[in-house]
Amino acid sequence: MIGIFSENVGWTHFVVSIIFFLSMILTMLLYSFVSWLLGSPRIGMLALVFGVSSAVIWFVKWPWHGVAIQETITSIMTSIWLFLVCIKNIE
């Protein structure tokens, strides 16, 4: 929905973006807790590191304006984690 509601829409894009990135962080953190049951503790540890790192990235006061860098870093970490989860499930 971030692509549907571009930044020109204003408040709607802001809300959708927060929901999207918050859900990515929460999903990685949740996976890190259930990863032992799923048989993937290494990926779970990475999910914990990425989830906490992603959350910290959003709360640090950066010298630039905007959130494109935070969005990119969080998206890259989530993509790496999802790729590893997919590869694990193919095995």
N, C-alpha and C. Protein backbone atom coordinates (compact mmCIF):
# COMPACT_ATOMS: atom_id res chain seq x y z
N MET A 1 0.81 -1.20 0.00
CA MET A 1 0.00 0.00 0.00
C MET A 1 0.85 1.26 0.00
N ILE A 2 2.14 1.11 0.34
CA ILE A 2 3.01 2.27 0.30
C ILE A 2 3.12 2.80 -1.12
N GLY A 3 3.18 1.89 -2.09
CA GLY A 3 3.24 2.31 -3.49
C GLY A 3 1.94 2.91 -3.99
N ILE A 4 0.82 2.47 -3.46
CA ILE A 4 -0.48 3.01 -3.87
C ILE A 4 -0.67 4.41 -3.31
N PHE A 5 -0.33 4.58 -2.03
CA PHE A 5 -0.45 5.89 -1.39
C PHE A 5 0.93 6.53 -1.33
N SER A 6 1.31 7.24 -2.37
CA SER A 6 2.64 7.85 -2.43
C SER A 6 2.77 8.99 -1.43
N GLU A 7 3.95 9.55 -1.34
CA GLU A 7 4.19 10.63 -0.39
C GLU A 7 3.32 11.86 -0.67
N ASN A 8 2.86 11.99 -1.90
CA ASN A 8 1.99 13.12 -2.25
C ASN A 8 0.66 13.07 -1.52
N VAL A 9 0.24 11.88 -1.11
CA VAL A 9 -1.03 11.71 -0.41
C VAL A 9 -0.93 12.27 1.01
N GLY A 10 0.30 12.29 1.55
CA GLY A 10 0.51 12.89 2.86
C GLY A 10 0.30 11.94 4.01
N TRP A 11 -0.66 12.24 4.86
CA TRP A 11 -0.91 11.51 6.11
C TRP A 11 -1.15 10.03 5.87
N THR A 12 -1.87 9.67 4.83
CA THR A 12 -2.17 8.26 4.56
C THR A 12 -0.88 7.48 4.30
N HIS A 13 0.01 8.05 3.51
CA HIS A 13 1.29 7.39 3.26
C HIS A 13 2.07 7.22 4.55
N PHE A 14 2.05 8.23 5.38
CA PHE A 14 2.76 8.18 6.66
C PHE A 14 2.25 7.03 7.53
N VAL A 15 0.94 6.89 7.65
CA VAL A 15 0.34 5.84 8.48
C VAL A 15 0.63 4.46 7.90
N VAL A 16 0.45 4.31 6.59
CA VAL A 16 0.70 3.02 5.94
C VAL A 16 2.17 2.64 6.07
N SER A 17 3.05 3.59 5.94
CA SER A 17 4.48 3.33 6.06
C SER A 17 4.84 2.88 7.48
N ILE A 18 4.29 3.54 8.47
CA ILE A 18 4.55 3.14 9.86
C ILE A 18 4.05 1.72 10.11
N ILE A 19 2.86 1.42 9.66
CA ILE A 19 2.31 0.07 9.84
C ILE A 19 3.19 -0.97 9.15
N PHE A 20 3.63 -0.67 7.94
CA PHE A 20 4.45 -1.61 7.17
C PHE A 20 5.78 -1.89 7.87
N PHE A 21 6.52 -0.85 8.22
CA PHE A 21 7.84 -1.06 8.82
C PHE A 21 7.74 -1.61 10.24
N LEU A 22 6.73 -1.21 10.97
CA LEU A 22 6.53 -1.78 12.30
C LEU A 22 6.20 -3.27 12.21
N SER A 23 5.39 -3.65 11.23
CA SER A 23 5.06 -5.07 11.08
C SER A 23 6.28 -5.88 10.67
N MET A 24 7.17 -5.31 9.85
CA MET A 24 8.40 -6.03 9.49
C MET A 24 9.27 -6.26 10.72
N ILE A 25 9.43 -5.25 11.55
CA ILE A 25 10.25 -5.38 12.76
C ILE A 25 9.63 -6.39 13.72
N LEU A 26 8.32 -6.27 13.95
CA LEU A 26 7.65 -7.19 14.87
C LEU A 26 7.68 -8.63 14.37
N THR A 27 7.57 -8.82 13.07
CA THR A 27 7.62 -10.17 12.50
C THR A 27 8.99 -10.79 12.70
N MET A 28 10.06 -10.02 12.49
CA MET A 28 11.40 -10.56 12.72
C MET A 28 11.60 -10.91 14.19
N LEU A 29 11.13 -10.05 15.08
CA LEU A 29 11.27 -10.32 16.51
C LEU A 29 10.46 -11.55 16.92
N LEU A 30 9.25 -11.66 16.41
CA LEU A 30 8.43 -12.84 16.72
C LEU A 30 9.08 -14.11 16.19
N TYR A 31 9.59 -14.06 14.98
CA TYR A 31 10.27 -15.23 14.41
C TYR A 31 11.47 -15.63 15.25
N SER A 32 12.19 -14.65 15.78
CA SER A 32 13.36 -14.98 16.58
C SER A 32 12.99 -15.79 17.81
N PHE A 33 11.80 -15.58 18.34
CA PHE A 33 11.36 -16.33 19.52
C PHE A 33 10.86 -17.73 19.19
N VAL A 34 10.27 -17.91 18.03
CA VAL A 34 9.73 -19.23 17.68
C VAL A 34 10.70 -20.04 16.81
N SER A 35 11.84 -19.46 16.49
CA SER A 35 12.77 -20.14 15.58
C SER A 35 13.31 -21.45 16.15
N TRP A 36 13.43 -21.56 17.47
CA TRP A 36 13.90 -22.81 18.06
C TRP A 36 12.91 -23.93 17.78
N LEU A 37 11.62 -23.62 17.88
CA LEU A 37 10.59 -24.63 17.58
C LEU A 37 10.57 -24.99 16.10
N LEU A 38 10.94 -24.04 15.27
CA LEU A 38 10.94 -24.27 13.82
C LEU A 38 12.22 -24.93 13.33
N GLY A 39 13.19 -25.08 14.22
CA GLY A 39 14.44 -25.73 13.83
C GLY A 39 15.40 -24.84 13.09
N SER A 40 15.31 -23.54 13.31
CA SER A 40 16.22 -22.63 12.64
C SER A 40 16.74 -21.56 13.62
N PRO A 41 17.47 -21.99 14.65
CA PRO A 41 17.93 -21.02 15.65
C PRO A 41 18.92 -19.98 15.11
N ARG A 42 19.73 -20.34 14.13
CA ARG A 42 20.68 -19.37 13.56
C ARG A 42 19.94 -18.25 12.83
N ILE A 43 18.95 -18.62 12.06
CA ILE A 43 18.16 -17.60 11.36
C ILE A 43 17.38 -16.79 12.38
N GLY A 44 16.94 -17.44 13.45
CA GLY A 44 16.24 -16.74 14.52
C GLY A 44 17.12 -15.71 15.20
N MET A 45 18.38 -16.06 15.43
CA MET A 45 19.32 -15.11 16.03
C MET A 45 19.55 -13.92 15.10
N LEU A 46 19.67 -14.21 13.82
CA LEU A 46 19.82 -13.12 12.85
C LEU A 46 18.57 -12.25 12.83
N ALA A 47 17.40 -12.88 12.92
CA ALA A 47 16.15 -12.12 12.95
C ALA A 47 16.09 -11.22 14.18
N LEU A 48 16.58 -11.71 15.30
CA LEU A 48 16.62 -10.90 16.52
C LEU A 48 17.55 -9.70 16.34
N VAL A 49 18.73 -9.95 15.80
CA VAL A 49 19.69 -8.86 15.57
C VAL A 49 19.13 -7.84 14.58
N PHE A 50 18.55 -8.33 13.47
CA PHE A 50 17.97 -7.43 12.47
C PHE A 50 16.77 -6.68 13.03
N GLY A 51 15.92 -7.37 13.79
CA GLY A 51 14.74 -6.72 14.35
C GLY A 51 15.10 -5.61 15.32
N VAL A 52 16.03 -5.89 16.22
CA VAL A 52 16.46 -4.87 17.17
C VAL A 52 17.20 -3.74 16.46
N SER A 53 18.07 -4.09 15.51
CA SER A 53 18.80 -3.07 14.75
C SER A 53 17.85 -2.17 13.97
N SER A 54 16.85 -2.77 13.36
CA SER A 54 15.87 -1.98 12.60
C SER A 54 15.12 -1.02 13.51
N ALA A 55 14.74 -1.49 14.68
CA ALA A 55 14.04 -0.61 15.62
C ALA A 55 14.93 0.54 16.05
N VAL A 56 16.19 0.23 16.35
CA VAL A 56 17.13 1.28 16.78
C VAL A 56 17.34 2.31 15.68
N ILE A 57 17.44 1.85 14.45
CA ILE A 57 17.65 2.76 13.31
C ILE A 57 16.58 3.85 13.27
N TRP A 58 15.35 3.49 13.63
CA TRP A 58 14.25 4.45 13.56
C TRP A 58 14.25 5.44 14.72
N PHE A 59 14.92 5.12 15.81
CA PHE A 59 14.89 6.01 16.97
C PHE A 59 16.14 6.87 17.12
N VAL A 60 17.17 6.60 16.34
CA VAL A 60 18.39 7.40 16.39
C VAL A 60 18.14 8.74 15.71
N LYS A 61 18.70 9.78 16.26
CA LYS A 61 18.59 11.12 15.66
C LYS A 61 19.69 11.24 14.60
N TRP A 62 19.31 11.25 13.33
CA TRP A 62 20.26 11.31 12.23
C TRP A 62 20.44 12.75 11.76
N PRO A 63 21.58 13.09 11.16
CA PRO A 63 21.81 14.46 10.73
C PRO A 63 21.08 14.85 9.44
N TRP A 64 20.42 13.91 8.79
CA TRP A 64 19.72 14.22 7.55
C TRP A 64 18.22 14.27 7.78
N HIS A 65 17.53 14.84 6.80
CA HIS A 65 16.07 14.90 6.86
C HIS A 65 15.50 13.77 6.02
N GLY A 66 14.31 13.34 6.34
CA GLY A 66 13.68 12.26 5.60
C GLY A 66 14.02 10.90 6.19
N VAL A 67 13.39 9.87 5.64
CA VAL A 67 13.56 8.52 6.19
C VAL A 67 13.94 7.50 5.12
N ALA A 68 14.38 7.94 3.96
CA ALA A 68 14.71 7.01 2.88
C ALA A 68 15.84 6.06 3.26
N ILE A 69 16.83 6.55 3.97
CA ILE A 69 17.95 5.70 4.36
C ILE A 69 17.49 4.66 5.38
N GLN A 70 16.70 5.07 6.36
CA GLN A 70 16.18 4.13 7.35
C GLN A 70 15.30 3.08 6.68
N GLU A 71 14.47 3.50 5.75
CA GLU A 71 13.61 2.56 5.03
C GLU A 71 14.44 1.56 4.23
N THR A 72 15.49 2.05 3.59
CA THR A 72 16.34 1.17 2.78
C THR A 72 17.07 0.16 3.64
N ILE A 73 17.66 0.60 4.73
CA ILE A 73 18.40 -0.32 5.61
C ILE A 73 17.47 -1.37 6.20
N THR A 74 16.31 -0.95 6.69
CA THR A 74 15.35 -1.90 7.25
C THR A 74 14.87 -2.88 6.18
N SER A 75 14.62 -2.41 4.98
CA SER A 75 14.17 -3.28 3.90
C SER A 75 15.24 -4.29 3.48
N ILE A 76 16.49 -3.85 3.47
CA ILE A 76 17.59 -4.78 3.11
C ILE A 76 17.71 -5.88 4.16
N MET A 77 17.68 -5.49 5.44
CA MET A 77 17.78 -6.50 6.49
C MET A 77 16.61 -7.48 6.43
N THR A 78 15.41 -6.97 6.19
CA THR A 78 14.23 -7.84 6.10
C THR A 78 14.34 -8.76 4.88
N SER A 79 14.84 -8.25 3.78
CA SER A 79 15.00 -9.07 2.57
C SER A 79 15.99 -10.20 2.79
N ILE A 80 17.10 -9.90 3.45
CA ILE A 80 18.10 -10.94 3.74
C ILE A 80 17.48 -12.01 4.62
N TRP A 81 16.78 -11.58 5.67
CA TRP A 81 16.15 -12.54 6.59
C TRP A 81 15.11 -13.39 5.85
N LEU A 82 14.25 -12.77 5.05
CA LEU A 82 13.23 -13.53 4.32
C LEU A 82 13.86 -14.50 3.33
N PHE A 83 14.93 -14.10 2.68
CA PHE A 83 15.63 -14.99 1.76
C PHE A 83 16.12 -16.24 2.50
N LEU A 84 16.73 -16.03 3.67
CA LEU A 84 17.23 -17.17 4.45
C LEU A 84 16.10 -18.08 4.93
N VAL A 85 14.99 -17.50 5.32
CA VAL A 85 13.84 -18.30 5.73
C VAL A 85 13.32 -19.14 4.56
N CYS A 86 13.26 -18.54 3.39
CA CYS A 86 12.78 -19.25 2.21
C CYS A 86 13.73 -20.39 1.84
N ILE A 87 15.03 -20.12 1.86
CA ILE A 87 16.02 -21.16 1.55
C ILE A 87 15.92 -22.30 2.56
N LYS A 88 15.75 -21.98 3.83
CA LYS A 88 15.62 -22.99 4.88
C LYS A 88 14.41 -23.88 4.62
N ASN A 89 13.31 -23.28 4.18
CA ASN A 89 12.07 -24.04 3.94
C ASN A 89 12.12 -24.87 2.67
N ILE A 90 13.04 -24.55 1.77
CA ILE A 90 13.19 -25.36 0.55
C ILE A 90 13.91 -26.65 0.85
N GLU A 91 14.81 -26.61 1.82
CA GLU A 91 15.64 -27.78 2.15
C GLU A 91 14.80 -28.93 2.53
